């Protein structure tokens, strides 16, 4: 595999598989181009920074019914979230030119548009 992420995943699978199917794991390990046994590879290391979500899904409602979902940054301001929600194509269709009475924003999770 030319993608380094795919290669890293295949190596991790071979290491983890070596506990249950050592012969299959050893064949995988050698097919990946390693000369030493899979036993000497050590346990895969975890990068904790990759486990953190940078975005959340914000739900946009019109008259209490979900009309759109937006992927937004965790630290988005209420004003930016409101602007993104009102610019959404699905929300424009749901509003259909109706007058907005109130917009309730609870960043970063919810925008409720009352018409």
PDB file of N, CA and C in Angstrom:
ATOM      1  N   UNK A   1       0.843  -1.181   0.000  1.00  0.00           N
ATOM      2  CA  UNK A   1       0.000   0.000   0.000  1.00  0.00           C
ATOM      3  C   UNK A   1       0.888   1.243   0.000  1.00  0.00           C
ATOM      4  N   UNK A   2       0.547   2.196  -0.826  1.00  0.00           N
ATOM      5  CA  UNK A   2       1.349   3.408  -0.927  1.00  0.00           C
ATOM      6  C   UNK A   2       0.973   4.429   0.137  1.00  0.00           C
ATOM      7  N   UNK A   3      -0.227   4.352   0.674  1.00  0.00           N
ATOM      8  CA  UNK A   3      -0.670   5.278   1.701  1.00  0.00           C
ATOM      9  C   UNK A   3      -0.057   4.866   3.046  1.00  0.00           C
ATOM     10  N   UNK A   4       0.678   5.777   3.706  1.00  0.00           N
ATOM     11  CA  UNK A   4       1.306   5.405   4.974  1.00  0.00           C
ATOM     12  C   UNK A   4       0.293   5.059   6.064  1.00  0.00           C
ATOM     13  N   UNK A   5      -0.882   5.659   6.033  1.00  0.00           N
ATOM     14  CA  UNK A   5      -1.896   5.358   7.044  1.00  0.00           C
ATOM     15  C   UNK A   5      -2.401   3.927   6.884  1.00  0.00           C
ATOM     16  N   UNK A   6      -2.560   3.483   5.639  1.00  0.00           N
ATOM     17  CA  UNK A   6      -3.014   2.109   5.386  1.00  0.00           C
ATOM     18  C   UNK A   6      -1.945   1.121   5.830  1.00  0.00           C
ATOM     19  N   UNK A   7      -0.692   1.442   5.551  1.00  0.00           N
ATOM     20  CA  UNK A   7       0.407   0.561   5.952  1.00  0.00           C
ATOM     21  C   UNK A   7       0.491   0.467   7.475  1.00  0.00           C
ATOM     22  N   UNK A   8       0.355   1.604   8.145  1.00  0.00           N
ATOM     23  CA  UNK A   8       0.405   1.617   9.609  1.00  0.00           C
ATOM     24  C   UNK A   8      -0.747   0.799  10.192  1.00  0.00           C
ATOM     25  N   UNK A   9      -1.926   0.917   9.596  1.00  0.00           N
ATOM     26  CA  UNK A   9      -3.076   0.144  10.059  1.00  0.00           C
ATOM     27  C   UNK A   9      -2.855  -1.350   9.840  1.00  0.00           C
ATOM     28  N   UNK A  10      -2.300  -1.725   8.695  1.00  0.00           N
ATOM     29  CA  UNK A  10      -2.036  -3.141   8.410  1.00  0.00           C
ATOM     30  C   UNK A  10      -0.998  -3.702   9.382  1.00  0.00           C
ATOM     31  N   UNK A  11       0.015  -2.905   9.716  1.00  0.00           N
ATOM     32  CA  UNK A  11       1.015  -3.363  10.681  1.00  0.00           C
ATOM     33  C   UNK A  11       0.390  -3.529  12.063  1.00  0.00           C
ATOM     34  N   UNK A  12      -0.476  -2.606  12.462  1.00  0.00           N
ATOM     35  CA  UNK A  12      -1.133  -2.724  13.758  1.00  0.00           C
ATOM     36  C   UNK A  12      -2.025  -3.961  13.802  1.00  0.00           C
ATOM     37  N   UNK A  13      -2.717  -4.241  12.713  1.00  0.00           N
ATOM     38  CA  UNK A  13      -3.571  -5.437  12.658  1.00  0.00           C
ATOM     39  C   UNK A  13      -2.720  -6.694  12.777  1.00  0.00           C
ATOM     40  N   UNK A  14      -1.585  -6.726  12.106  1.00  0.00           N
ATOM     41  CA  UNK A  14      -0.702  -7.892  12.179  1.00  0.00           C
ATOM     42  C   UNK A  14      -0.196  -8.096  13.603  1.00  0.00           C
ATOM     43  N   UNK A  15       0.152  -7.003  14.279  1.00  0.00           N
ATOM     44  CA  UNK A  15       0.639  -7.116  15.660  1.00  0.00           C
ATOM     45  C   UNK A  15      -0.472  -7.622  16.573  1.00  0.00           C
ATOM     46  N   UNK A  16      -1.662  -7.056  16.451  1.00  0.00           N
ATOM     47  CA  UNK A  16      -2.774  -7.478  17.298  1.00  0.00           C
ATOM     48  C   UNK A  16      -3.222  -8.904  16.980  1.00  0.00           C
ATOM     49  N   UNK A  17      -3.163  -9.265  15.718  1.00  0.00           N
ATOM     50  CA  UNK A  17      -3.554 -10.611  15.299  1.00  0.00           C
ATOM     51  C   UNK A  17      -2.567 -11.668  15.782  1.00  0.00           C
ATOM     52  N   UNK A  18      -1.348 -11.255  16.052  1.00  0.00           N
ATOM     53  CA  UNK A  18      -0.325 -12.222  16.471  1.00  0.00           C
ATOM     54  C   UNK A  18      -0.671 -12.900  17.787  1.00  0.00           C
ATOM     55  N   UNK A  19      -1.540 -12.302  18.583  1.00  0.00           N
ATOM     56  CA  UNK A  19      -1.953 -12.936  19.840  1.00  0.00           C
ATOM     57  C   UNK A  19      -2.876 -14.133  19.603  1.00  0.00           C
ATOM     58  N   UNK A  20      -3.683 -14.072  18.551  1.00  0.00           N
ATOM     59  CA  UNK A  20      -4.700 -15.098  18.304  1.00  0.00           C
ATOM     60  C   UNK A  20      -4.358 -16.026  17.141  1.00  0.00           C
ATOM     61  N   UNK A  21      -3.690 -15.488  16.147  1.00  0.00           N
ATOM     62  CA  UNK A  21      -3.336 -16.282  14.964  1.00  0.00           C
ATOM     63  C   UNK A  21      -1.891 -15.976  14.604  1.00  0.00           C
ATOM     64  N   UNK A  22      -0.937 -16.527  15.341  1.00  0.00           N
ATOM     65  CA  UNK A  22       0.466 -16.142  15.157  1.00  0.00           C
ATOM     66  C   UNK A  22       1.023 -16.458  13.770  1.00  0.00           C
ATOM     67  N   UNK A  23       0.619 -17.543  13.159  1.00  0.00           N
ATOM     68  CA  UNK A  23       1.164 -17.895  11.850  1.00  0.00           C
ATOM     69  C   UNK A  23       0.667 -16.940  10.767  1.00  0.00           C
ATOM     70  N   UNK A  24      -0.621 -16.616  10.812  1.00  0.00           N
ATOM     71  CA  UNK A  24      -1.196 -15.675   9.847  1.00  0.00           C
ATOM     72  C   UNK A  24      -0.561 -14.298  10.034  1.00  0.00           C
ATOM     73  N   UNK A  25      -0.409 -13.890  11.289  1.00  0.00           N
ATOM     74  CA  UNK A  25       0.185 -12.583  11.576  1.00  0.00           C
ATOM     75  C   UNK A  25       1.628 -12.528  11.099  1.00  0.00           C
ATOM     76  N   UNK A  26       2.347 -13.611  11.266  1.00  0.00           N
ATOM     77  CA  UNK A  26       3.750 -13.648  10.818  1.00  0.00           C
ATOM     78  C   UNK A  26       3.830 -13.534   9.296  1.00  0.00           C
ATOM     79  N   UNK A  27       2.926 -14.209   8.594  1.00  0.00           N
ATOM     80  CA  UNK A  27       2.895 -14.087   7.132  1.00  0.00           C
ATOM     81  C   UNK A  27       2.563 -12.655   6.712  1.00  0.00           C
ATOM     82  N   UNK A  28       1.591 -12.048   7.369  1.00  0.00           N
ATOM     83  CA  UNK A  28       1.247 -10.653   7.061  1.00  0.00           C
ATOM     84  C   UNK A  28       2.449  -9.750   7.289  1.00  0.00           C
ATOM     85  N   UNK A  29       3.114  -9.952   8.412  1.00  0.00           N
ATOM     86  CA  UNK A  29       4.247  -9.120   8.794  1.00  0.00           C
ATOM     87  C   UNK A  29       5.362  -9.200   7.750  1.00  0.00           C
ATOM     88  N   UNK A  30       5.650 -10.403   7.279  1.00  0.00           N
ATOM     89  CA  UNK A  30       6.699 -10.574   6.263  1.00  0.00           C
ATOM     90  C   UNK A  30       6.250 -10.031   4.911  1.00  0.00           C
ATOM     91  N   UNK A  31       4.951 -10.155   4.585  1.00  0.00           N
ATOM     92  CA  UNK A  31       4.448  -9.573   3.332  1.00  0.00           C
ATOM     93  C   UNK A  31       4.499  -8.050   3.352  1.00  0.00           C
ATOM     94  N   UNK A  32       4.494  -7.462   4.534  1.00  0.00           N
ATOM     95  CA  UNK A  32       4.636  -6.021   4.656  1.00  0.00           C
ATOM     96  C   UNK A  32       6.095  -5.568   4.549  1.00  0.00           C
ATOM     97  N   UNK A  33       7.008  -6.534   4.431  1.00  0.00           N
ATOM     98  CA  UNK A  33       8.408  -6.196   4.175  1.00  0.00           C
ATOM     99  C   UNK A  33       9.317  -6.217   5.379  1.00  0.00           C
ATOM    100  N   UNK A  34       8.870  -6.785   6.485  1.00  0.00           N
ATOM    101  CA  UNK A  34       9.704  -6.852   7.691  1.00  0.00           C
ATOM    102  C   UNK A  34      10.457  -8.176   7.712  1.00  0.00           C
ATOM    103  N   UNK A  35      11.735  -8.106   8.120  1.00  0.00           N
ATOM    104  CA  UNK A  35      12.546  -9.324   8.225  1.00  0.00           C
ATOM    105  C   UNK A  35      12.492  -9.930   9.622  1.00  0.00           C
ATOM    106  N   UNK A  36      12.372  -9.086  10.635  1.00  0.00           N
ATOM    107  CA  UNK A  36      12.323  -9.585  12.016  1.00  0.00           C
ATOM    108  C   UNK A  36      10.938 -10.150  12.310  1.00  0.00           C
ATOM    109  N   UNK A  37      10.824 -10.993  13.318  1.00  0.00           N
ATOM    110  CA  UNK A  37       9.518 -11.562  13.665  1.00  0.00           C
ATOM    111  C   UNK A  37       8.566 -10.500  14.208  1.00  0.00           C
ATOM    112  N   UNK A  38       7.282 -10.783  14.084  1.00  0.00           N
ATOM    113  CA  UNK A  38       6.265  -9.852  14.562  1.00  0.00           C
ATOM    114  C   UNK A  38       6.323  -9.714  16.082  1.00  0.00           C
ATOM    115  N   UNK A  39       6.853 -10.718  16.765  1.00  0.00           N
ATOM    116  CA  UNK A  39       6.988 -10.670  18.224  1.00  0.00           C
ATOM    117  C   UNK A  39       7.865  -9.519  18.693  1.00  0.00           C
ATOM    118  N   UNK A  40       8.833  -9.130  17.900  1.00  0.00           N
ATOM    119  CA  UNK A  40       9.761  -8.071  18.300  1.00  0.00           C
ATOM    120  C   UNK A  40       9.232  -6.671  17.983  1.00  0.00           C
ATOM    121  N   UNK A  41       8.069  -6.587  17.403  1.00  0.00           N
ATOM    122  CA  UNK A  41       7.545  -5.294  16.964  1.00  0.00           C
ATOM    123  C   UNK A  41       7.105  -4.408  18.123  1.00  0.00           C
ATOM    124  N   UNK A  42       6.649  -4.983  19.203  1.00  0.00           N
ATOM    125  CA  UNK A  42       6.135  -4.172  20.299  1.00  0.00           C
ATOM    126  C   UNK A  42       4.684  -3.805  20.069  1.00  0.00           C
ATOM    127  N   UNK A  43       4.046  -3.320  21.109  1.00  0.00           N
ATOM    128  CA  UNK A  43       2.632  -2.980  21.052  1.00  0.00           C
ATOM    129  C   UNK A  43       2.441  -1.633  20.361  1.00  0.00           C
ATOM    130  N   UNK A  44       1.375  -1.450  19.589  1.00  0.00           N
ATOM    131  CA  UNK A  44       1.147  -0.161  18.915  1.00  0.00           C
ATOM    132  C   UNK A  44       0.966   0.974  19.927  1.00  0.00           C
ATOM    133  N   UNK A  45       1.519   2.136  19.608  1.00  0.00           N
ATOM    134  CA  UNK A  45       1.403   3.317  20.470  1.00  0.00           C
ATOM    135  C   UNK A  45       0.179   4.134  20.059  1.00  0.00           C
ATOM    136  N   UNK A  46      -0.467   4.734  21.036  1.00  0.00           N
ATOM    137  CA  UNK A  46      -1.659   5.543  20.781  1.00  0.00           C
ATOM    138  C   UNK A  46      -1.280   7.012  20.850  1.00  0.00           C
ATOM    139  N   UNK A  47      -1.712   7.771  19.841  1.00  0.00           N
ATOM    140  CA  UNK A  47      -1.530   9.219  19.828  1.00  0.00           C
ATOM    141  C   UNK A  47      -2.833   9.836  20.334  1.00  0.00           C
ATOM    142  N   UNK A  48      -2.834  10.293  21.580  1.00  0.00           N
ATOM    143  CA  UNK A  48      -4.057  10.791  22.211  1.00  0.00           C
ATOM    144  C   UNK A  48      -4.613  12.029  21.515  1.00  0.00           C
ATOM    145  N   UNK A  49      -3.763  12.782  20.841  1.00  0.00           N
ATOM    146  CA  UNK A  49      -4.257  13.990  20.163  1.00  0.00           C
ATOM    147  C   UNK A  49      -5.170  13.643  18.994  1.00  0.00           C
ATOM    148  N   UNK A  50      -5.052  12.447  18.451  1.00  0.00           N
ATOM    149  CA  UNK A  50      -5.910  12.034  17.341  1.00  0.00           C
ATOM    150  C   UNK A  50      -7.281  11.549  17.810  1.00  0.00           C
ATOM    151  N   UNK A  51      -7.437  11.325  19.100  1.00  0.00           N
ATOM    152  CA  UNK A  51      -8.696  10.824  19.636  1.00  0.00           C
ATOM    153  C   UNK A  51      -9.680  11.932  19.979  1.00  0.00           C
ATOM    154  N   UNK A  52      -9.247  13.179  19.881  1.00  0.00           N
ATOM    155  CA  UNK A  52     -10.083  14.313  20.245  1.00  0.00           C
ATOM    156  C   UNK A  52     -10.839  14.809  19.019  1.00  0.00           C
ATOM    157  N   UNK A  53     -12.152  14.989  19.176  1.00  0.00           N
ATOM    158  CA  UNK A  53     -12.959  15.534  18.085  1.00  0.00           C
ATOM    159  C   UNK A  53     -12.763  17.038  18.011  1.00  0.00           C
ATOM    160  N   UNK A  54     -12.497  17.539  16.804  1.00  0.00           N
ATOM    161  CA  UNK A  54     -12.348  18.976  16.599  1.00  0.00           C
ATOM    162  C   UNK A  54     -13.678  19.621  16.255  1.00  0.00           C
ATOM    163  N   UNK A  55     -14.627  18.810  15.794  1.00  0.00           N
ATOM    164  CA  UNK A  55     -15.913  19.356  15.384  1.00  0.00           C
ATOM    165  C   UNK A  55     -17.041  18.624  16.094  1.00  0.00           C
ATOM    166  N   UNK A  56     -18.195  19.279  16.122  1.00  0.00           N
ATOM    167  CA  UNK A  56     -19.416  18.674  16.657  1.00  0.00           C
ATOM    168  C   UNK A  56     -20.522  18.894  15.632  1.00  0.00           C
ATOM    169  N   UNK A  57     -21.611  18.171  15.782  1.00  0.00           N
ATOM    170  CA  UNK A  57     -22.747  18.318  14.884  1.00  0.00           C
ATOM    171  C   UNK A  57     -23.767  19.232  15.568  1.00  0.00           C
ATOM    172  N   UNK A  58     -24.058  20.333  14.913  1.00  0.00           N
ATOM    173  CA  UNK A  58     -25.072  21.259  15.409  1.00  0.00           C
ATOM    174  C   UNK A  58     -26.380  20.966  14.689  1.00  0.00           C
ATOM    175  N   UNK A  59     -27.443  20.848  15.453  1.00  0.00           N
ATOM    176  CA  UNK A  59     -28.769  20.580  14.902  1.00  0.00           C
ATOM    177  C   UNK A  59     -29.472  21.917  14.690  1.00  0.00           C
ATOM    178  N   UNK A  60     -30.058  22.089  13.514  1.00  0.00           N
ATOM    179  CA  UNK A  60     -30.805  23.304  13.208  1.00  0.00           C
ATOM    180  C   UNK A  60     -32.273  22.915  13.050  1.00  0.00           C
ATOM    181  N   UNK A  61     -33.128  23.572  13.845  1.00  0.00           N
ATOM    182  CA  UNK A  61     -34.550  23.273  13.838  1.00  0.00           C
ATOM    183  C   UNK A  61     -35.334  24.485  13.354  1.00  0.00           C
ATOM    184  N   UNK A  62     -36.428  24.202  12.666  1.00  0.00           N
ATOM    185  CA  UNK A  62     -37.389  25.240  12.303  1.00  0.00           C
ATOM    186  C   UNK A  62     -38.735  24.773  12.854  1.00  0.00           C
ATOM    187  N   UNK A  63     -39.354  25.587  13.695  1.00  0.00           N
ATOM    188  CA  UNK A  63     -40.604  25.242  14.368  1.00  0.00           C
ATOM    189  C   UNK A  63     -40.479  23.922  15.135  1.00  0.00           C
ATOM    190  N   UNK A  64     -39.315  23.694  15.744  1.00  0.00           N
ATOM    191  CA  UNK A  64     -39.103  22.512  16.571  1.00  0.00           C
ATOM    192  C   UNK A  64     -38.808  21.232  15.820  1.00  0.00           C
ATOM    193  N   UNK A  65     -38.728  21.287  14.505  1.00  0.00           N
ATOM    194  CA  UNK A  65     -38.440  20.089  13.710  1.00  0.00           C
ATOM    195  C   UNK A  65     -37.051  20.222  13.085  1.00  0.00           C
ATOM    196  N   UNK A  66     -36.273  19.149  13.146  1.00  0.00           N
ATOM    197  CA  UNK A  66     -34.912  19.161  12.625  1.00  0.00           C
ATOM    198  C   UNK A  66     -34.953  19.296  11.110  1.00  0.00           C
ATOM    199  N   UNK A  67     -34.273  20.306  10.601  1.00  0.00           N
ATOM    200  CA  UNK A  67     -34.229  20.547   9.165  1.00  0.00           C
ATOM    201  C   UNK A  67     -32.831  20.422   8.587  1.00  0.00           C
ATOM    202  N   UNK A  68     -31.795  20.544   9.440  1.00  0.00           N
ATOM    203  CA  UNK A  68     -30.424  20.463   8.938  1.00  0.00           C
ATOM    204  C   UNK A  68     -29.488  20.115  10.083  1.00  0.00           C
ATOM    205  N   UNK A  69     -28.349  19.586   9.722  1.00  0.00           N
ATOM    206  CA  UNK A  69     -27.262  19.313  10.668  1.00  0.00           C
ATOM    207  C   UNK A  69     -25.999  19.921  10.080  1.00  0.00           C
ATOM    208  N   UNK A  70     -25.249  20.626  10.912  1.00  0.00           N
ATOM    209  CA  UNK A  70     -24.036  21.302  10.467  1.00  0.00           C
ATOM    210  C   UNK A  70     -22.841  20.803  11.262  1.00  0.00           C
ATOM    211  N   UNK A  71     -21.739  20.504  10.586  1.00  0.00           N
ATOM    212  CA  UNK A  71     -20.483  20.195  11.264  1.00  0.00           C
ATOM    213  C   UNK A  71     -19.781  21.511  11.552  1.00  0.00           C
ATOM    214  N   UNK A  72     -19.611  21.813  12.838  1.00  0.00           N
ATOM    215  CA  UNK A  72     -19.008  23.085  13.246  1.00  0.00           C
ATOM    216  C   UNK A  72     -17.906  22.838  14.258  1.00  0.00           C
ATOM    217  N   UNK A  73     -17.035  23.835  14.423  1.00  0.00           N
ATOM    218  CA  UNK A  73     -15.962  23.761  15.411  1.00  0.00           C
ATOM    219  C   UNK A  73     -16.557  23.761  16.818  1.00  0.00           C
ATOM    220  N   UNK A  74     -15.862  23.118  17.743  1.00  0.00           N
ATOM    221  CA  UNK A  74     -16.356  23.036  19.118  1.00  0.00           C
ATOM    222  C   UNK A  74     -16.452  24.404  19.783  1.00  0.00           C
ATOM    223  N   UNK A  75     -15.598  25.331  19.371  1.00  0.00           N
ATOM    224  CA  UNK A  75     -15.544  26.638  20.030  1.00  0.00           C
ATOM    225  C   UNK A  75     -16.210  27.740  19.198  1.00  0.00           C
ATOM    226  N   UNK A  76     -17.169  27.393  18.372  1.00  0.00           N
ATOM    227  CA  UNK A  76     -17.837  28.378  17.526  1.00  0.00           C
ATOM    228  C   UNK A  76     -18.687  29.321  18.390  1.00  0.00           C
ATOM    229  N   UNK A  77     -18.726  30.571  18.014  1.00  0.00           N
ATOM    230  CA  UNK A  77     -19.528  31.538  18.771  1.00  0.00           C
ATOM    231  C   UNK A  77     -21.003  31.398  18.379  1.00  0.00           C
ATOM    232  N   UNK A  78     -21.872  31.914  19.227  1.00  0.00           N
ATOM    233  CA  UNK A  78     -23.301  31.838  18.947  1.00  0.00           C
ATOM    234  C   UNK A  78     -23.662  32.631  17.698  1.00  0.00           C
ATOM    235  N   UNK A  79     -23.007  33.778  17.505  1.00  0.00           N
ATOM    236  CA  UNK A  79     -23.286  34.612  16.331  1.00  0.00           C
ATOM    237  C   UNK A  79     -22.879  33.897  15.043  1.00  0.00           C
ATOM    238  N   UNK A  80     -21.713  33.239  15.044  1.00  0.00           N
ATOM    239  CA  UNK A  80     -21.265  32.519  13.845  1.00  0.00           C
ATOM    240  C   UNK A  80     -22.164  31.325  13.549  1.00  0.00           C
ATOM    241  N   UNK A  81     -22.584  30.625  14.604  1.00  0.00           N
ATOM    242  CA  UNK A  81     -23.464  29.471  14.413  1.00  0.00           C
ATOM    243  C   UNK A  81     -24.818  29.913  13.852  1.00  0.00           C
ATOM    244  N   UNK A  82     -25.334  31.010  14.353  1.00  0.00           N
ATOM    245  CA  UNK A  82     -26.598  31.539  13.844  1.00  0.00           C
ATOM    246  C   UNK A  82     -26.464  31.926  12.372  1.00  0.00           C
ATOM    247  N   UNK A  83     -25.351  32.573  12.024  1.00  0.00           N
ATOM    248  CA  UNK A  83     -25.128  32.983  10.635  1.00  0.00           C
ATOM    249  C   UNK A  83     -25.053  31.761   9.718  1.00  0.00           C
ATOM    250  N   UNK A  84     -24.306  30.738  10.138  1.00  0.00           N
ATOM    251  CA  UNK A  84     -24.206  29.518   9.321  1.00  0.00           C
ATOM    252  C   UNK A  84     -25.564  28.845   9.152  1.00  0.00           C
ATOM    253  N   UNK A  85     -26.342  28.816  10.222  1.00  0.00           N
ATOM    254  CA  UNK A  85     -27.654  28.173  10.159  1.00  0.00           C
ATOM    255  C   UNK A  85     -28.578  28.917   9.203  1.00  0.00           C
ATOM    256  N   UNK A  86     -28.580  30.234   9.281  1.00  0.00           N
ATOM    257  CA  UNK A  86     -29.468  31.014   8.416  1.00  0.00           C
ATOM    258  C   UNK A  86     -29.022  30.993   6.958  1.00  0.00           C
ATOM    259  N   UNK A  87     -27.741  30.750   6.708  1.00  0.00           N
ATOM    260  CA  UNK A  87     -27.233  30.670   5.338  1.00  0.00           C
ATOM    261  C   UNK A  87     -27.437  29.297   4.713  1.00  0.00           C
ATOM    262  N   UNK A  88     -27.796  28.320   5.524  1.00  0.00           N
ATOM    263  CA  UNK A  88     -27.960  26.953   5.037  1.00  0.00           C
ATOM    264  C   UNK A  88     -29.071  26.874   3.994  1.00  0.00           C
ATOM    265  N   UNK A  89     -28.799  26.147   2.934  1.00  0.00           N
ATOM    266  CA  UNK A  89     -29.775  25.993   1.846  1.00  0.00           C
ATOM    267  C   UNK A  89     -31.039  25.273   2.323  1.00  0.00           C
ATOM    268  N   UNK A  90     -30.861  24.250   3.159  1.00  0.00           N
ATOM    269  CA  UNK A  90     -32.010  23.500   3.667  1.00  0.00           C
ATOM    270  C   UNK A  90     -32.884  24.386   4.557  1.00  0.00           C
ATOM    271  N   UNK A  91     -32.278  25.258   5.299  1.00  0.00           N
ATOM    272  CA  UNK A  91     -33.043  26.158   6.168  1.00  0.00           C
ATOM    273  C   UNK A  91     -33.763  27.201   5.331  1.00  0.00           C
ATOM    274  N   UNK A  92     -33.131  27.695   4.284  1.00  0.00           N
ATOM    275  CA  UNK A  92     -33.788  28.656   3.400  1.00  0.00           C
ATOM    276  C   UNK A  92     -35.039  28.041   2.770  1.00  0.00           C
ATOM    277  N   UNK A  93     -34.948  26.759   2.372  1.00  0.00           N
ATOM    278  CA  UNK A  93     -36.115  26.061   1.816  1.00  0.00           C
ATOM    279  C   UNK A  93     -37.203  25.894   2.871  1.00  0.00           C
ATOM    280  N   UNK A  94     -36.794  25.554   4.110  1.00  0.00           N
ATOM    281  CA  UNK A  94     -37.776  25.337   5.178  1.00  0.00           C
ATOM    282  C   UNK A  94     -38.469  26.639   5.574  1.00  0.00           C
ATOM    283  N   UNK A  95     -37.735  27.734   5.542  1.00  0.00           N
ATOM    284  CA  UNK A  95     -38.332  29.026   5.894  1.00  0.00           C
ATOM    285  C   UNK A  95     -39.273  29.517   4.804  1.00  0.00           C
ATOM    286  N   UNK A  96     -38.921  29.273   3.556  1.00  0.00           N
ATOM    287  CA  UNK A  96     -39.757  29.622   2.409  1.00  0.00           C
ATOM    288  C   UNK A  96     -40.237  31.076   2.465  1.00  0.00           C
ATOM    289  N   UNK A  97     -39.323  31.963   2.865  1.00  0.00           N
ATOM    290  CA  UNK A  97     -39.645  33.386   2.888  1.00  0.00           C
ATOM    291  C   UNK A  97     -40.428  33.852   4.101  1.00  0.00           C
ATOM    292  N   UNK A  98     -40.681  32.980   5.069  1.00  0.00           N
ATOM    293  CA  UNK A  98     -41.443  33.357   6.262  1.00  0.00           C
ATOM    294  C   UNK A  98     -40.624  34.299   7.141  1.00  0.00           C
ATOM    295  N   UNK A  99     -41.324  35.107   7.919  1.00  0.00           N
ATOM    296  CA  UNK A  99     -40.661  36.047   8.831  1.00  0.00           C
ATOM    297  C   UNK A  99     -40.172  35.298  10.064  1.00  0.00           C
ATOM    298  N   UNK A 100     -38.923  35.550  10.432  1.00  0.00           N
ATOM    299  CA  UNK A 100     -38.335  34.898  11.605  1.00  0.00           C
ATOM    300  C   UNK A 100     -38.674  35.736  12.836  1.00  0.00           C
ATOM    301  N   UNK A 101     -39.321  35.095  13.805  1.00  0.00           N
ATOM    302  CA  UNK A 101     -39.675  35.802  15.037  1.00  0.00           C
ATOM    303  C   UNK A 101     -38.522  35.795  16.037  1.00  0.00           C
ATOM    304  N   UNK A 102     -37.872  34.635  16.154  1.00  0.00           N
ATOM    305  CA  UNK A 102     -36.829  34.499  17.155  1.00  0.00           C
ATOM    306  C   UNK A 102     -35.875  33.393  16.735  1.00  0.00           C
ATOM    307  N   UNK A 103     -34.597  33.582  17.053  1.00  0.00           N
ATOM    308  CA  UNK A 103     -33.596  32.552  16.824  1.00  0.00           C
ATOM    309  C   UNK A 103     -32.953  32.232  18.166  1.00  0.00           C
ATOM    310  N   UNK A 104     -33.072  30.991  18.588  1.00  0.00           N
ATOM    311  CA  UNK A 104     -32.491  30.540  19.858  1.00  0.00           C
ATOM    312  C   UNK A 104     -31.241  29.732  19.524  1.00  0.00           C
ATOM    313  N   UNK A 105     -30.105  30.168  20.047  1.00  0.00           N
ATOM    314  CA  UNK A 105     -28.827  29.512  19.754  1.00  0.00           C
ATOM    315  C   UNK A 105     -28.208  29.026  21.054  1.00  0.00           C
ATOM    316  N   UNK A 106     -27.846  27.770  21.093  1.00  0.00           N
ATOM    317  CA  UNK A 106     -27.084  27.182  22.189  1.00  0.00           C
ATOM    318  C   UNK A 106     -25.848  26.532  21.568  1.00  0.00           C
ATOM    319  N   UNK A 107     -24.821  27.374  21.381  1.00  0.00           N
ATOM    320  CA  UNK A 107     -23.600  26.911  20.720  1.00  0.00           C
ATOM    321  C   UNK A 107     -22.915  25.859  21.582  1.00  0.00           C
ATOM    322  N   UNK A 108     -22.323  24.870  21.021  1.00  0.00           N
ATOM    323  CA  UNK A 108     -22.197  24.549  19.605  1.00  0.00           C
ATOM    324  C   UNK A 108     -23.193  23.500  19.123  1.00  0.00           C
ATOM    325  N   UNK A 109     -24.259  23.228  19.880  1.00  0.00           N
ATOM    326  CA  UNK A 109     -25.111  22.080  19.574  1.00  0.00           C
ATOM    327  C   UNK A 109     -26.431  22.373  18.884  1.00  0.00           C
ATOM    328  N   UNK A 110     -27.043  23.536  19.116  1.00  0.00           N
ATOM    329  CA  UNK A 110     -28.420  23.712  18.696  1.00  0.00           C
ATOM    330  C   UNK A 110     -28.706  25.123  18.207  1.00  0.00           C
ATOM    331  N   UNK A 111     -29.511  25.189  17.147  1.00  0.00           N
ATOM    332  CA  UNK A 111     -30.095  26.445  16.680  1.00  0.00           C
ATOM    333  C   UNK A 111     -31.570  26.143  16.422  1.00  0.00           C
ATOM    334  N   UNK A 112     -32.448  26.935  17.056  1.00  0.00           N
ATOM    335  CA  UNK A 112     -33.891  26.760  16.882  1.00  0.00           C
ATOM    336  C   UNK A 112     -34.450  28.064  16.316  1.00  0.00           C
ATOM    337  N   UNK A 113     -35.080  27.970  15.170  1.00  0.00           N
ATOM    338  CA  UNK A 113     -35.631  29.149  14.494  1.00  0.00           C
ATOM    339  C   UNK A 113     -37.148  29.116  14.650  1.00  0.00           C
ATOM    340  N   UNK A 114     -37.685  30.166  15.241  1.00  0.00           N
ATOM    341  CA  UNK A 114     -39.127  30.264  15.470  1.00  0.00           C
ATOM    342  C   UNK A 114     -39.702  31.199  14.415  1.00  0.00           C
ATOM    343  N   UNK A 115     -40.708  30.707  13.678  1.00  0.00           N
ATOM    344  CA  UNK A 115     -41.347  31.557  12.648  1.00  0.00           C
ATOM    345  C   UNK A 115     -42.810  31.750  12.985  1.00  0.00           C
TER     346      UNK A 115
END
